[in-house]
Amino acid sequence: MMKWEDVCQAFPEQWVLIETVRAHTNEKSERILDDIAPLKKFSNSPD
């Protein structure tokens, strides 16, 4: 499992498909992703 910051560091400037492992809803009804898992990196990420 990773945090969003970890994914950004591991895959800078790339498109990554992620799966939410754990999430919650805050008081503004926004979904907050607590833990995510990267599933696939796309080689055709835009520059």
PDB file of N, CA and C in Angstrom:
ATOM      1  N   MET A   1       0.838  -1.177   0.000  1.00  0.00           N
ATOM      2  CA  MET A   1       0.000   0.000   0.000  1.00  0.00           C
ATOM      3  C   MET A   1       0.885   1.244   0.000  1.00  0.00           C
ATOM      4  N   MET A   2       0.362   2.291  -0.608  1.00  0.00           N
ATOM      5  CA  MET A   2       1.116   3.536  -0.711  1.00  0.00           C
ATOM      6  C   MET A   2       0.193   4.711  -0.422  1.00  0.00           C
ATOM      7  N   LYS A   3       0.795   5.817  -0.124  1.00  0.00           N
ATOM      8  CA  LYS A   3       0.090   7.097  -0.022  1.00  0.00           C
ATOM      9  C   LYS A   3       0.248   7.793  -1.369  1.00  0.00           C
ATOM     10  N   TRP A   4      -0.591   8.790  -1.640  1.00  0.00           N
ATOM     11  CA  TRP A   4      -0.529   9.493  -2.917  1.00  0.00           C
ATOM     12  C   TRP A   4       0.852  10.102  -3.143  1.00  0.00           C
ATOM     13  N   GLU A   5       1.438  10.658  -2.109  1.00  0.00           N
ATOM     14  CA  GLU A   5       2.761  11.267  -2.237  1.00  0.00           C
ATOM     15  C   GLU A   5       3.808  10.241  -2.674  1.00  0.00           C
ATOM     16  N   ASP A   6       3.678   9.002  -2.176  1.00  0.00           N
ATOM     17  CA  ASP A   6       4.605   7.929  -2.555  1.00  0.00           C
ATOM     18  C   ASP A   6       4.469   7.581  -4.041  1.00  0.00           C
ATOM     19  N   VAL A   7       3.234   7.542  -4.520  1.00  0.00           N
ATOM     20  CA  VAL A   7       2.996   7.240  -5.942  1.00  0.00           C
ATOM     21  C   VAL A   7       3.585   8.352  -6.810  1.00  0.00           C
ATOM     22  N   CYS A   8       3.390   9.590  -6.404  1.00  0.00           N
ATOM     23  CA  CYS A   8       3.939  10.729  -7.164  1.00  0.00           C
ATOM     24  C   CYS A   8       5.459  10.679  -7.234  1.00  0.00           C
ATOM     25  N   GLN A   9       6.099  10.247  -6.165  1.00  0.00           N
ATOM     26  CA  GLN A   9       7.555  10.144  -6.159  1.00  0.00           C
ATOM     27  C   GLN A   9       8.042   8.950  -6.973  1.00  0.00           C
ATOM     28  N   ALA A  10       7.306   7.844  -6.919  1.00  0.00           N
ATOM     29  CA  ALA A  10       7.714   6.629  -7.627  1.00  0.00           C
ATOM     30  C   ALA A  10       7.457   6.722  -9.131  1.00  0.00           C
ATOM     31  N   PHE A  11       6.427   7.487  -9.521  1.00  0.00           N
ATOM     32  CA  PHE A  11       6.049   7.596 -10.932  1.00  0.00           C
ATOM     33  C   PHE A  11       5.899   9.068 -11.324  1.00  0.00           C
ATOM     34  N   PRO A  12       6.972   9.840 -11.278  1.00  0.00           N
ATOM     35  CA  PRO A  12       6.852  11.275 -11.586  1.00  0.00           C
ATOM     36  C   PRO A  12       6.474  11.507 -13.051  1.00  0.00           C
ATOM     37  N   GLU A  13       5.549  12.435 -13.253  1.00  0.00           N
ATOM     38  CA  GLU A  13       5.141  12.847 -14.605  1.00  0.00           C
ATOM     39  C   GLU A  13       4.629  11.681 -15.450  1.00  0.00           C
ATOM     40  N   GLN A  14       3.965  10.705 -14.816  1.00  0.00           N
ATOM     41  CA  GLN A  14       3.456   9.545 -15.541  1.00  0.00           C
ATOM     42  C   GLN A  14       2.007   9.287 -15.155  1.00  0.00           C
ATOM     43  N   TRP A  15       1.271   8.660 -16.080  1.00  0.00           N
ATOM     44  CA  TRP A  15      -0.087   8.210 -15.806  1.00  0.00           C
ATOM     45  C   TRP A  15      -0.002   6.850 -15.129  1.00  0.00           C
ATOM     46  N   VAL A  16      -0.741   6.698 -14.036  1.00  0.00           N
ATOM     47  CA  VAL A  16      -0.726   5.443 -13.281  1.00  0.00           C
ATOM     48  C   VAL A  16      -2.160   5.067 -12.917  1.00  0.00           C
ATOM     49  N   LEU A  17      -2.522   3.830 -13.188  1.00  0.00           N
ATOM     50  CA  LEU A  17      -3.815   3.305 -12.759  1.00  0.00           C
ATOM     51  C   LEU A  17      -3.668   2.858 -11.314  1.00  0.00           C
ATOM     52  N   ILE A  18      -4.560   3.346 -10.449  1.00  0.00           N
ATOM     53  CA  ILE A  18      -4.474   2.992  -9.032  1.00  0.00           C
ATOM     54  C   ILE A  18      -5.756   2.308  -8.577  1.00  0.00           C
ATOM     55  N   GLU A  19      -5.629   1.575  -7.486  1.00  0.00           N
ATOM     56  CA  GLU A  19      -6.780   0.975  -6.822  1.00  0.00           C
ATOM     57  C   GLU A  19      -6.816   1.513  -5.403  1.00  0.00           C
ATOM     58  N   THR A  20      -7.993   1.891  -4.956  1.00  0.00           N
ATOM     59  CA  THR A  20      -8.144   2.358  -3.589  1.00  0.00           C
ATOM     60  C   THR A  20      -8.209   1.162  -2.656  1.00  0.00           C
ATOM     61  N   VAL A  21      -7.334   1.159  -1.676  1.00  0.00           N
ATOM     62  CA  VAL A  21      -7.311   0.087  -0.682  1.00  0.00           C
ATOM     63  C   VAL A  21      -8.137   0.493   0.539  1.00  0.00           C
ATOM     64  N   ARG A  22      -7.987   1.774   0.932  1.00  0.00           N
ATOM     65  CA  ARG A  22      -8.740   2.281   2.077  1.00  0.00           C
ATOM     66  C   ARG A  22      -9.070   3.744   1.822  1.00  0.00           C
ATOM     67  N   ALA A  23     -10.312   4.127   2.091  1.00  0.00           N
ATOM     68  CA  ALA A  23     -10.757   5.504   1.875  1.00  0.00           C
ATOM     69  C   ALA A  23     -11.813   5.866   2.915  1.00  0.00           C
ATOM     70  N   HIS A  24     -12.039   7.168   3.038  1.00  0.00           N
ATOM     71  CA  HIS A  24     -13.110   7.638   3.912  1.00  0.00           C
ATOM     72  C   HIS A  24     -13.727   8.895   3.304  1.00  0.00           C
ATOM     73  N   THR A  25     -14.869   9.303   3.842  1.00  0.00           N
ATOM     74  CA  THR A  25     -15.560  10.506   3.387  1.00  0.00           C
ATOM     75  C   THR A  25     -15.446  11.557   4.484  1.00  0.00           C
ATOM     76  N   ASN A  26     -15.029  12.770   4.089  1.00  0.00           N
ATOM     77  CA  ASN A  26     -14.892  13.836   5.086  1.00  0.00           C
ATOM     78  C   ASN A  26     -16.218  14.566   5.279  1.00  0.00           C
ATOM     79  N   GLU A  27     -16.195  15.602   6.106  1.00  0.00           N
ATOM     80  CA  GLU A  27     -17.422  16.342   6.439  1.00  0.00           C
ATOM     81  C   GLU A  27     -17.993  17.116   5.251  1.00  0.00           C
ATOM     82  N   LYS A  28     -17.189  17.310   4.198  1.00  0.00           N
ATOM     83  CA  LYS A  28     -17.669  17.985   2.985  1.00  0.00           C
ATOM     84  C   LYS A  28     -18.146  16.993   1.934  1.00  0.00           C
ATOM     85  N   SER A  29     -18.298  15.731   2.325  1.00  0.00           N
ATOM     86  CA  SER A  29     -18.719  14.645   1.439  1.00  0.00           C
ATOM     87  C   SER A  29     -17.714  14.368   0.322  1.00  0.00           C
ATOM     88  N   GLU A  30     -16.439  14.663   0.590  1.00  0.00           N
ATOM     89  CA  GLU A  30     -15.364  14.369  -0.358  1.00  0.00           C
ATOM     90  C   GLU A  30     -14.735  13.028   0.009  1.00  0.00           C
ATOM     91  N   ARG A  31     -14.421  12.224  -0.991  1.00  0.00           N
ATOM     92  CA  ARG A  31     -13.748  10.949  -0.741  1.00  0.00           C
ATOM     93  C   ARG A  31     -12.255  11.216  -0.585  1.00  0.00           C
ATOM     94  N   ILE A  32     -11.678  10.713   0.470  1.00  0.00           N
ATOM     95  CA  ILE A  32     -10.257  10.853   0.763  1.00  0.00           C
ATOM     96  C   ILE A  32      -9.629   9.480   0.645  1.00  0.00           C
ATOM     97  N   LEU A  33      -8.618   9.365  -0.212  1.00  0.00           N
ATOM     98  CA  LEU A  33      -7.933   8.089  -0.411  1.00  0.00           C
ATOM     99  C   LEU A  33      -6.812   7.978   0.609  1.00  0.00           C
ATOM    100  N   ASP A  34      -6.953   7.055   1.538  1.00  0.00           N
ATOM    101  CA  ASP A  34      -5.959   6.886   2.596  1.00  0.00           C
ATOM    102  C   ASP A  34      -4.806   6.009   2.125  1.00  0.00           C
ATOM    103  N   ASP A  35      -5.114   4.882   1.523  1.00  0.00           N
ATOM    104  CA  ASP A  35      -4.099   3.960   1.017  1.00  0.00           C
ATOM    105  C   ASP A  35      -4.489   3.532  -0.391  1.00  0.00           C
ATOM    106  N   ILE A  36      -3.507   3.539  -1.290  1.00  0.00           N
ATOM    107  CA  ILE A  36      -3.763   3.144  -2.673  1.00  0.00           C
ATOM    108  C   ILE A  36      -2.683   2.172  -3.128  1.00  0.00           C
ATOM    109  N   ALA A  37      -3.007   1.451  -4.182  1.00  0.00           N
ATOM    110  CA  ALA A  37      -2.052   0.505  -4.763  1.00  0.00           C
ATOM    111  C   ALA A  37      -1.936   0.794  -6.251  1.00  0.00           C
ATOM    112  N   PRO A  38      -0.731   1.065  -6.742  1.00  0.00           N
ATOM    113  CA  PRO A  38      -0.561   1.269  -8.181  1.00  0.00           C
ATOM    114  C   PRO A  38      -0.711  -0.072  -8.897  1.00  0.00           C
ATOM    115  N   LEU A  39      -1.518  -0.078  -9.963  1.00  0.00           N
ATOM    116  CA  LEU A  39      -1.768  -1.305 -10.707  1.00  0.00           C
ATOM    117  C   LEU A  39      -1.016  -1.365 -12.022  1.00  0.00           C
ATOM    118  N   LYS A  40      -0.909  -0.221 -12.701  1.00  0.00           N
ATOM    119  CA  LYS A  40      -0.284  -0.204 -14.025  1.00  0.00           C
ATOM    120  C   LYS A  40       0.245   1.186 -14.346  1.00  0.00           C
ATOM    121  N   LYS A  41       1.434   1.225 -14.930  1.00  0.00           N
ATOM    122  CA  LYS A  41       2.025   2.469 -15.425  1.00  0.00           C
ATOM    123  C   LYS A  41       1.836   2.471 -16.936  1.00  0.00           C
ATOM    124  N   PHE A  42       1.422   3.599 -17.467  1.00  0.00           N
ATOM    125  CA  PHE A  42       1.190   3.705 -18.899  1.00  0.00           C
ATOM    126  C   PHE A  42       2.388   4.318 -19.590  1.00  0.00           C
ATOM    127  N   SER A  43       2.867   3.652 -20.622  1.00  0.00           N
ATOM    128  CA  SER A  43       4.052   4.116 -21.330  1.00  0.00           C
ATOM    129  C   SER A  43       3.765   5.327 -22.214  1.00  0.00           C
ATOM    130  N   ASN A  44       2.515   5.554 -22.570  1.00  0.00           N
ATOM    131  CA  ASN A  44       2.177   6.688 -23.443  1.00  0.00           C
ATOM    132  C   ASN A  44       1.687   7.889 -22.648  1.00  0.00           C
ATOM    133  N   SER A  45       2.246   8.107 -21.475  1.00  0.00           N
ATOM    134  CA  SER A  45       1.903   9.267 -20.669  1.00  0.00           C
ATOM    135  C   SER A  45       2.272  10.537 -21.431  1.00  0.00           C
ATOM    136  N   PRO A  46       1.427  11.566 -21.351  1.00  0.00           N
ATOM    137  CA  PRO A  46       1.764  12.809 -22.066  1.00  0.00           C
ATOM    138  C   PRO A  46       2.978  13.490 -21.440  1.00  0.00           C
ATOM    139  N   ASP A  47       3.669  14.265 -22.244  1.00  0.00           N
ATOM    140  CA  ASP A  47       4.849  14.982 -21.754  1.00  0.00           C
ATOM    141  C   ASP A  47       4.453  16.216 -20.985  1.00  0.00           C
TER     142      ASP A  47
END
